[in-house]
Amino acid sequence: MPEMRIATAQSKAMAYRELHSQWAAFLDGERDGLANTANLSSLLFHGLPGVSWAGFYFLQAKNWCWAPFRARWPAGGLRSTEACVVPQRGRVRTIIVPDVNAFPDYIACDAEARSELVTPLFQGKKLLGVLDLDSPTVGHFDEQDGAGLATVVDLLLKGSDLHRYVG
């Protein structure tokens, strides 16, 4: 099994290249989508500085359900079992919420979350779920994070049988 390392690169671009390389090594020989989402949520939680929640929600019969995640548990616990920001069907881009308190209809999953990034998981035109990252820092995520996570999610979708767990 590959070793999980915290990104030590000086730039975000370098950190995501390092993360991408680690993730490719984790996927080598493992196609199980549930195992892969569990490993990826852990890799992102531990490998990206400033992340308080890294996990997945799967779409099951039009309802969102928790899937593997890693989180810092605040004193108040989680407030909801629904995805905080979910893309509308057919929407294929990452959503970056710089300040969740300024986002209309935001559903707080993590009481300490101040910013969020949500990347949809599509296989073909079918929405399987989302990757959700939270941070306790306003403005933590930017377009570099969106692009970096898109490459990681692409590897997940190509290297996993994730469709078995979504229906």
C-alpha atoms as a PDB file:
ATOM      1  CA  MET A   1       0.000   0.000   0.000  1.00  0.00           C
ATOM      2  CA  PRO A   2       1.326   3.466  -0.856  1.00  0.00           C
ATOM      3  CA  GLU A   3       2.375   5.793   1.911  1.00  0.00           C
ATOM      4  CA  MET A   4       0.116   8.761   2.614  1.00  0.00           C
ATOM      5  CA  ARG A   5       2.041  12.014   2.879  1.00  0.00           C
ATOM      6  CA  ILE A   6       0.946  15.529   3.740  1.00  0.00           C
ATOM      7  CA  ALA A   7       1.601  17.880   0.846  1.00  0.00           C
ATOM      8  CA  THR A   8       4.796  19.826   1.509  1.00  0.00           C
ATOM      9  CA  ALA A   9       5.000  21.688  -1.795  1.00  0.00           C
ATOM     10  CA  GLN A  10       5.412  25.451  -1.745  1.00  0.00           C
ATOM     11  CA  SER A  11       2.669  26.129  -4.301  1.00  0.00           C
ATOM     12  CA  LYS A  12      -0.849  24.767  -4.694  1.00  0.00           C
ATOM     13  CA  ALA A  13      -0.029  23.566  -8.196  1.00  0.00           C
ATOM     14  CA  MET A  14       2.893  21.527  -6.875  1.00  0.00           C
ATOM     15  CA  ALA A  15       0.809  20.234  -3.949  1.00  0.00           C
ATOM     16  CA  TYR A  16      -1.873  18.974  -6.336  1.00  0.00           C
ATOM     17  CA  ARG A  17       0.718  17.314  -8.575  1.00  0.00           C
ATOM     18  CA  GLU A  18       2.068  15.527  -5.497  1.00  0.00           C
ATOM     19  CA  LEU A  19      -1.454  14.584  -4.407  1.00  0.00           C
ATOM     20  CA  HIS A  20      -2.285  13.352  -7.930  1.00  0.00           C
ATOM     21  CA  SER A  21       0.810  11.146  -7.913  1.00  0.00           C
ATOM     22  CA  GLN A  22      -0.067   9.682  -4.513  1.00  0.00           C
ATOM     23  CA  TRP A  23      -3.650   9.057  -5.607  1.00  0.00           C
ATOM     24  CA  ALA A  24      -2.546   7.265  -8.781  1.00  0.00           C
ATOM     25  CA  ALA A  25      -0.417   4.953  -6.609  1.00  0.00           C
ATOM     26  CA  PHE A  26      -3.394   4.221  -4.323  1.00  0.00           C
ATOM     27  CA  LEU A  27      -5.545   3.286  -7.318  1.00  0.00           C
ATOM     28  CA  ASP A  28      -2.991   0.863  -8.744  1.00  0.00           C
ATOM     29  CA  GLY A  29      -4.698  -2.540  -8.602  1.00  0.00           C
ATOM     30  CA  GLU A  30      -7.782  -1.385  -6.650  1.00  0.00           C
ATOM     31  CA  ARG A  31     -11.051  -0.860  -8.541  1.00  0.00           C
ATOM     32  CA  ASP A  32     -13.561  -1.030  -5.685  1.00  0.00           C
ATOM     33  CA  GLY A  33     -15.354   2.325  -5.637  1.00  0.00           C
ATOM     34  CA  LEU A  34     -16.194   2.242  -1.941  1.00  0.00           C
ATOM     35  CA  ALA A  35     -12.609   1.469  -0.929  1.00  0.00           C
ATOM     36  CA  ASN A  36     -11.336   4.129  -3.302  1.00  0.00           C
ATOM     37  CA  THR A  37     -13.657   6.859  -2.010  1.00  0.00           C
ATOM     38  CA  ALA A  38     -12.674   5.961   1.565  1.00  0.00           C
ATOM     39  CA  ASN A  39      -8.979   6.183   0.692  1.00  0.00           C
ATOM     40  CA  LEU A  40      -9.415   9.410  -1.274  1.00  0.00           C
ATOM     41  CA  SER A  41     -11.374  11.149   1.486  1.00  0.00           C
ATOM     42  CA  SER A  42      -8.597  10.261   3.929  1.00  0.00           C
ATOM     43  CA  LEU A  43      -5.856  11.336   1.524  1.00  0.00           C
ATOM     44  CA  LEU A  44      -7.542  14.710   0.936  1.00  0.00           C
ATOM     45  CA  PHE A  45      -8.327  15.290   4.619  1.00  0.00           C
ATOM     46  CA  HIS A  46      -4.777  14.569   5.725  1.00  0.00           C
ATOM     47  CA  GLY A  47      -2.987  15.771   2.600  1.00  0.00           C
ATOM     48  CA  LEU A  48      -4.523  19.193   2.108  1.00  0.00           C
ATOM     49  CA  PRO A  49      -3.873  21.833   4.757  1.00  0.00           C
ATOM     50  CA  GLY A  50      -6.889  23.653   6.183  1.00  0.00           C
ATOM     51  CA  VAL A  51      -9.533  21.030   5.331  1.00  0.00           C
ATOM     52  CA  SER A  52     -12.011  20.160   8.114  1.00  0.00           C
ATOM     53  CA  TRP A  53     -14.227  17.811   6.056  1.00  0.00           C
ATOM     54  CA  ALA A  54     -13.395  15.695   3.014  1.00  0.00           C
ATOM     55  CA  GLY A  55     -15.948  13.224   1.823  1.00  0.00           C
ATOM     56  CA  PHE A  56     -18.505  11.998  -0.615  1.00  0.00           C
ATOM     57  CA  TYR A  57     -22.238  11.964  -0.991  1.00  0.00           C
ATOM     58  CA  PHE A  58     -23.791   9.429  -3.355  1.00  0.00           C
ATOM     59  CA  LEU A  59     -27.069   9.926  -5.159  1.00  0.00           C
ATOM     60  CA  GLN A  60     -29.392   7.039  -4.270  1.00  0.00           C
ATOM     61  CA  ALA A  61     -32.847   7.070  -5.879  1.00  0.00           C
ATOM     62  CA  LYS A  62     -32.960  10.902  -5.969  1.00  0.00           C
ATOM     63  CA  ASN A  63     -31.756  11.223  -2.357  1.00  0.00           C
ATOM     64  CA  TRP A  64     -28.291  12.169  -1.162  1.00  0.00           C
ATOM     65  CA  CYS A  65     -26.630   9.804   1.283  1.00  0.00           C
ATOM     66  CA  TRP A  66     -23.366   9.997   3.146  1.00  0.00           C
ATOM     67  CA  ALA A  67     -20.564   7.998   1.692  1.00  0.00           C
ATOM     68  CA  PRO A  68     -16.973   7.692   2.981  1.00  0.00           C
ATOM     69  CA  PHE A  69     -15.663  10.837   4.629  1.00  0.00           C
ATOM     70  CA  ARG A  70     -13.043  12.132   7.060  1.00  0.00           C
ATOM     71  CA  ALA A  71     -13.858  15.040   9.347  1.00  0.00           C
ATOM     72  CA  ARG A  72     -12.872  16.977  12.377  1.00  0.00           C
ATOM     73  CA  TRP A  73     -15.818  16.630  14.719  1.00  0.00           C
ATOM     74  CA  PRO A  74     -16.757  20.005  16.202  1.00  0.00           C
ATOM     75  CA  ALA A  75     -18.289  20.170  19.657  1.00  0.00           C
ATOM     76  CA  GLY A  76     -21.798  20.545  18.206  1.00  0.00           C
ATOM     77  CA  GLY A  77     -21.382  17.667  15.790  1.00  0.00           C
ATOM     78  CA  LEU A  78     -22.708  17.657  12.266  1.00  0.00           C
ATOM     79  CA  ARG A  79     -25.958  19.464  11.620  1.00  0.00           C
ATOM     80  CA  SER A  80     -27.340  17.576   8.660  1.00  0.00           C
ATOM     81  CA  THR A  81     -26.996  14.380   6.690  1.00  0.00           C
ATOM     82  CA  GLU A  82     -27.639  16.183   3.432  1.00  0.00           C
ATOM     83  CA  ALA A  83     -24.998  17.442   1.053  1.00  0.00           C
ATOM     84  CA  CYS A  84     -24.311  21.061   1.876  1.00  0.00           C
ATOM     85  CA  VAL A  85     -24.230  22.383  -1.673  1.00  0.00           C
ATOM     86  CA  VAL A  86     -25.258  19.981  -4.382  1.00  0.00           C
ATOM     87  CA  PRO A  87     -25.122  20.638  -8.103  1.00  0.00           C
ATOM     88  CA  GLN A  88     -28.323  20.660 -10.040  1.00  0.00           C
ATOM     89  CA  ARG A  89     -28.738  17.733 -12.393  1.00  0.00           C
ATOM     90  CA  GLY A  90     -26.827  18.334 -15.591  1.00  0.00           C
ATOM     91  CA  ARG A  91     -24.482  20.858 -14.001  1.00  0.00           C
ATOM     92  CA  VAL A  92     -20.953  19.649 -14.613  1.00  0.00           C
ATOM     93  CA  ARG A  93     -18.748  22.168 -12.911  1.00  0.00           C
ATOM     94  CA  THR A  94     -17.200  22.503  -9.512  1.00  0.00           C
ATOM     95  CA  ILE A  95     -18.880  24.892  -7.083  1.00  0.00           C
ATOM     96  CA  ILE A  96     -16.676  27.025  -4.841  1.00  0.00           C
ATOM     97  CA  VAL A  97     -18.364  28.799  -1.949  1.00  0.00           C
ATOM     98  CA  PRO A  98     -15.905  31.341  -0.491  1.00  0.00           C
ATOM     99  CA  ASP A  99     -18.169  32.241   2.462  1.00  0.00           C
ATOM    100  CA  VAL A 100     -20.919  29.775   3.373  1.00  0.00           C
ATOM    101  CA  ASN A 101     -22.632  32.415   5.545  1.00  0.00           C
ATOM    102  CA  ALA A 102     -23.207  34.541   2.438  1.00  0.00           C
ATOM    103  CA  PHE A 103     -24.530  31.626   0.340  1.00  0.00           C
ATOM    104  CA  PRO A 104     -28.354  31.516   0.076  1.00  0.00           C
ATOM    105  CA  ASP A 105     -29.979  28.308   1.357  1.00  0.00           C
ATOM    106  CA  TYR A 106     -26.691  26.865   2.611  1.00  0.00           C
ATOM    107  CA  ILE A 107     -27.203  23.748   4.738  1.00  0.00           C
ATOM    108  CA  ALA A 108     -24.471  23.500   7.381  1.00  0.00           C
ATOM    109  CA  CYS A 109     -22.960  20.022   7.608  1.00  0.00           C
ATOM    110  CA  ASP A 110     -19.969  21.091   9.640  1.00  0.00           C
ATOM    111  CA  ALA A 111     -20.743  23.764  12.230  1.00  0.00           C
ATOM    112  CA  GLU A 112     -17.236  25.204  11.795  1.00  0.00           C
ATOM    113  CA  ALA A 113     -17.305  25.339   7.980  1.00  0.00           C
ATOM    114  CA  ARG A 114     -16.728  28.785   6.503  1.00  0.00           C
ATOM    115  CA  SER A 115     -15.896  27.824   2.905  1.00  0.00           C
ATOM    116  CA  GLU A 116     -16.665  24.847   0.715  1.00  0.00           C
ATOM    117  CA  LEU A 117     -15.795  23.210  -2.576  1.00  0.00           C
ATOM    118  CA  VAL A 118     -18.093  20.664  -4.238  1.00  0.00           C
ATOM    119  CA  THR A 119     -17.099  18.658  -7.299  1.00  0.00           C
ATOM    120  CA  PRO A 120     -19.722  16.527  -9.069  1.00  0.00           C
ATOM    121  CA  LEU A 121     -18.979  12.901  -9.930  1.00  0.00           C
ATOM    122  CA  PHE A 122     -20.272  12.119 -13.411  1.00  0.00           C
ATOM    123  CA  GLN A 123     -19.855   8.933 -15.389  1.00  0.00           C
ATOM    124  CA  GLY A 124     -21.017   9.885 -18.834  1.00  0.00           C
ATOM    125  CA  LYS A 125     -24.122  11.980 -18.234  1.00  0.00           C
ATOM    126  CA  LYS A 126     -25.087  10.196 -15.023  1.00  0.00           C
ATOM    127  CA  LEU A 127     -24.547  12.078 -11.779  1.00  0.00           C
ATOM    128  CA  LEU A 128     -23.220   9.556  -9.228  1.00  0.00           C
ATOM    129  CA  GLY A 129     -22.536  11.930  -6.379  1.00  0.00           C
ATOM    130  CA  VAL A 130     -20.267  14.722  -5.199  1.00  0.00           C
ATOM    131  CA  LEU A 131     -16.930  15.205  -3.521  1.00  0.00           C
ATOM    132  CA  ASP A 132     -17.324  17.806  -0.763  1.00  0.00           C
ATOM    133  CA  LEU A 133     -14.507  19.672   1.007  1.00  0.00           C
ATOM    134  CA  ASP A 134     -15.021  22.149   3.856  1.00  0.00           C
ATOM    135  CA  SER A 135     -12.646  24.527   5.589  1.00  0.00           C
ATOM    136  CA  PRO A 136     -13.037  26.635   8.734  1.00  0.00           C
ATOM    137  CA  THR A 137     -11.387  29.523   6.842  1.00  0.00           C
ATOM    138  CA  VAL A 138     -13.349  31.987   4.682  1.00  0.00           C
ATOM    139  CA  GLY A 139     -12.031  31.979   1.103  1.00  0.00           C
ATOM    140  CA  HIS A 140      -9.910  28.862   1.607  1.00  0.00           C
ATOM    141  CA  PHE A 141     -10.718  27.294  -1.785  1.00  0.00           C
ATOM    142  CA  ASP A 142     -10.022  28.818  -5.194  1.00  0.00           C
ATOM    143  CA  GLU A 143      -9.903  27.866  -8.870  1.00  0.00           C
ATOM    144  CA  GLN A 144      -6.554  26.082  -8.384  1.00  0.00           C
ATOM    145  CA  ASP A 145      -8.237  23.801  -5.854  1.00  0.00           C
ATOM    146  CA  GLY A 146     -11.093  23.202  -8.274  1.00  0.00           C
ATOM    147  CA  ALA A 147      -8.726  22.280 -11.105  1.00  0.00           C
ATOM    148  CA  GLY A 148      -6.509  20.149  -8.868  1.00  0.00           C
ATOM    149  CA  LEU A 149      -9.446  18.203  -7.462  1.00  0.00           C
ATOM    150  CA  ALA A 150     -10.935  17.731 -10.934  1.00  0.00           C
ATOM    151  CA  THR A 151      -7.865  15.720 -11.966  1.00  0.00           C
ATOM    152  CA  VAL A 152      -8.068  13.625  -8.795  1.00  0.00           C
ATOM    153  CA  VAL A 153     -11.797  12.966  -9.323  1.00  0.00           C
ATOM    154  CA  ASP A 154     -11.120  12.061 -12.956  1.00  0.00           C
ATOM    155  CA  LEU A 155      -8.671   9.384 -11.783  1.00  0.00           C
ATOM    156  CA  LEU A 156     -11.260   8.109  -9.288  1.00  0.00           C
ATOM    157  CA  LEU A 157     -13.940   7.789 -11.949  1.00  0.00           C
ATOM    158  CA  LYS A 158     -11.651   6.116 -14.491  1.00  0.00           C
ATOM    159  CA  GLY A 159     -10.069   3.764 -11.973  1.00  0.00           C
ATOM    160  CA  SER A 160     -13.102   2.666  -9.954  1.00  0.00           C
ATOM    161  CA  ASP A 161     -16.341   0.762 -10.286  1.00  0.00           C
ATOM    162  CA  LEU A 162     -18.133   3.483  -8.362  1.00  0.00           C
ATOM    163  CA  HIS A 163     -21.355   2.951 -10.325  1.00  0.00           C
ATOM    164  CA  ARG A 164     -21.945  -0.259  -8.258  1.00  0.00           C
ATOM    165  CA  TYR A 165     -22.704   1.841  -5.177  1.00  0.00           C
ATOM    166  CA  VAL A 166     -24.917   4.437  -6.769  1.00  0.00           C
ATOM    167  CA  GLY A 167     -28.368   3.887  -8.087  1.00  0.00           C
END
